[in-house]
Amino acid sequence: MLRGANVMRIVWLPGSDLLEGECHCGARHVAEEPAALWEWLLTHPEGHHPVDPPVTATPLPAAPESAPVPV
């Protein structure tokens, strides 16, 4: 799934006729119409704080030189 500081998404809530919109700040809104959710997302208050970005993975140390495996 796409991640980032400015990602907004709309997902279907299974078992219903509802859609849930999620702003990059973590705010959520439920509606029946996709246009209503996009309107909410695009007019969502400015100045809100985005959720913490995902922690970047630390690279593993290089493997030591290996000797051939005895047979």
C-alpha atoms as a PDB file:
ATOM      1  CA  MET A   1       0.000   0.000   0.000  1.00  0.00           C
ATOM      2  CA  LEU A   2       1.245   3.440  -0.874  1.00  0.00           C
ATOM      3  CA  ARG A   3       2.714   5.353   2.077  1.00  0.00           C
ATOM      4  CA  GLY A   4       3.956   8.898   2.403  1.00  0.00           C
ATOM      5  CA  ALA A   5       3.541  12.271   4.044  1.00  0.00           C
ATOM      6  CA  ASN A   6       0.763  13.389   1.681  1.00  0.00           C
ATOM      7  CA  VAL A   7      -1.106  10.142   0.991  1.00  0.00           C
ATOM      8  CA  MET A   8      -4.888  10.238   1.338  1.00  0.00           C
ATOM      9  CA  ARG A   9      -7.043   7.202   0.678  1.00  0.00           C
ATOM     10  CA  ILE A  10     -10.619   6.051   0.440  1.00  0.00           C
ATOM     11  CA  VAL A  11     -11.510   2.448   1.279  1.00  0.00           C
ATOM     12  CA  TRP A  12     -14.743   0.489   1.185  1.00  0.00           C
ATOM     13  CA  LEU A  13     -16.029  -0.786   4.531  1.00  0.00           C
ATOM     14  CA  PRO A  14     -16.896  -4.455   3.777  1.00  0.00           C
ATOM     15  CA  GLY A  15     -20.455  -5.487   4.493  1.00  0.00           C
ATOM     16  CA  SER A  16     -21.813  -1.972   4.026  1.00  0.00           C
ATOM     17  CA  ASP A  17     -22.474   0.726   1.454  1.00  0.00           C
ATOM     18  CA  LEU A  18     -20.038   3.023   3.230  1.00  0.00           C
ATOM     19  CA  LEU A  19     -16.618   4.368   2.301  1.00  0.00           C
ATOM     20  CA  GLU A  20     -14.008   5.639   4.719  1.00  0.00           C
ATOM     21  CA  GLY A  21     -11.611   8.437   3.821  1.00  0.00           C
ATOM     22  CA  GLU A  22      -8.320   8.815   5.650  1.00  0.00           C
ATOM     23  CA  CYS A  23      -6.144  11.909   5.591  1.00  0.00           C
ATOM     24  CA  HIS A  24      -2.361  11.703   5.897  1.00  0.00           C
ATOM     25  CA  CYS A  25      -2.732  13.190   9.416  1.00  0.00           C
ATOM     26  CA  GLY A  26      -4.794  10.169  10.496  1.00  0.00           C
ATOM     27  CA  ALA A  27      -8.201  11.915  10.536  1.00  0.00           C
ATOM     28  CA  ARG A  28     -11.013   9.722   9.198  1.00  0.00           C
ATOM     29  CA  HIS A  29     -14.463  10.405   7.776  1.00  0.00           C
ATOM     30  CA  VAL A  30     -17.199   8.001   6.638  1.00  0.00           C
ATOM     31  CA  ALA A  31     -19.677   8.710   3.820  1.00  0.00           C
ATOM     32  CA  GLU A  32     -21.707   6.879   1.182  1.00  0.00           C
ATOM     33  CA  GLU A  33     -20.514   8.889  -1.816  1.00  0.00           C
ATOM     34  CA  PRO A  34     -16.889   8.992  -3.040  1.00  0.00           C
ATOM     35  CA  ALA A  35     -17.320  12.613  -4.170  1.00  0.00           C
ATOM     36  CA  ALA A  36     -18.307  13.635  -0.632  1.00  0.00           C
ATOM     37  CA  LEU A  37     -15.195  11.949   0.773  1.00  0.00           C
ATOM     38  CA  TRP A  38     -12.887  13.586  -1.766  1.00  0.00           C
ATOM     39  CA  GLU A  39     -14.457  16.952  -0.972  1.00  0.00           C
ATOM     40  CA  TRP A  40     -13.822  16.330   2.741  1.00  0.00           C
ATOM     41  CA  LEU A  41     -10.238  15.214   2.122  1.00  0.00           C
ATOM     42  CA  LEU A  42      -9.403  18.152  -0.144  1.00  0.00           C
ATOM     43  CA  THR A  43     -10.945  20.736   2.209  1.00  0.00           C
ATOM     44  CA  HIS A  44      -9.640  19.105   5.399  1.00  0.00           C
ATOM     45  CA  PRO A  45      -8.236  21.827   7.678  1.00  0.00           C
ATOM     46  CA  GLU A  46      -4.766  23.035   6.882  1.00  0.00           C
ATOM     47  CA  GLY A  47      -2.187  23.189   9.647  1.00  0.00           C
ATOM     48  CA  HIS A  48      -2.929  19.745  10.991  1.00  0.00           C
ATOM     49  CA  HIS A  49       0.058  17.601  11.826  1.00  0.00           C
ATOM     50  CA  PRO A  50       0.793  14.509   9.743  1.00  0.00           C
ATOM     51  CA  VAL A  51       1.296  11.210  11.482  1.00  0.00           C
ATOM     52  CA  ASP A  52       4.888  10.221  12.186  1.00  0.00           C
ATOM     53  CA  PRO A  53       6.613   8.950   9.051  1.00  0.00           C
ATOM     54  CA  PRO A  54       7.477   5.254   8.990  1.00  0.00           C
ATOM     55  CA  VAL A  55      10.806   4.369  10.523  1.00  0.00           C
ATOM     56  CA  THR A  56      13.387   3.639   7.866  1.00  0.00           C
ATOM     57  CA  ALA A  57      15.039   0.253   8.054  1.00  0.00           C
ATOM     58  CA  THR A  58      18.607   0.152   9.272  1.00  0.00           C
ATOM     59  CA  PRO A  59      20.823  -1.786   6.863  1.00  0.00           C
ATOM     60  CA  LEU A  60      22.242  -5.023   8.190  1.00  0.00           C
ATOM     61  CA  PRO A  61      25.999  -5.208   8.694  1.00  0.00           C
ATOM     62  CA  ALA A  62      27.955  -6.829   5.908  1.00  0.00           C
ATOM     63  CA  ALA A  63      28.404 -10.567   6.213  1.00  0.00           C
ATOM     64  CA  PRO A  64      31.892 -11.654   7.249  1.00  0.00           C
ATOM     65  CA  GLU A  65      34.116 -13.317   4.700  1.00  0.00           C
ATOM     66  CA  SER A  66      33.141 -16.950   4.668  1.00  0.00           C
ATOM     67  CA  ALA A  67      35.344 -19.960   4.307  1.00  0.00           C
ATOM     68  CA  PRO A  68      34.362 -22.862   2.069  1.00  0.00           C
ATOM     69  CA  VAL A  69      32.179 -25.461   3.757  1.00  0.00           C
ATOM     70  CA  PRO A  70      34.084 -28.683   4.372  1.00  0.00           C
ATOM     71  CA  VAL A  71      32.663 -31.721   2.613  1.00  0.00           C
END
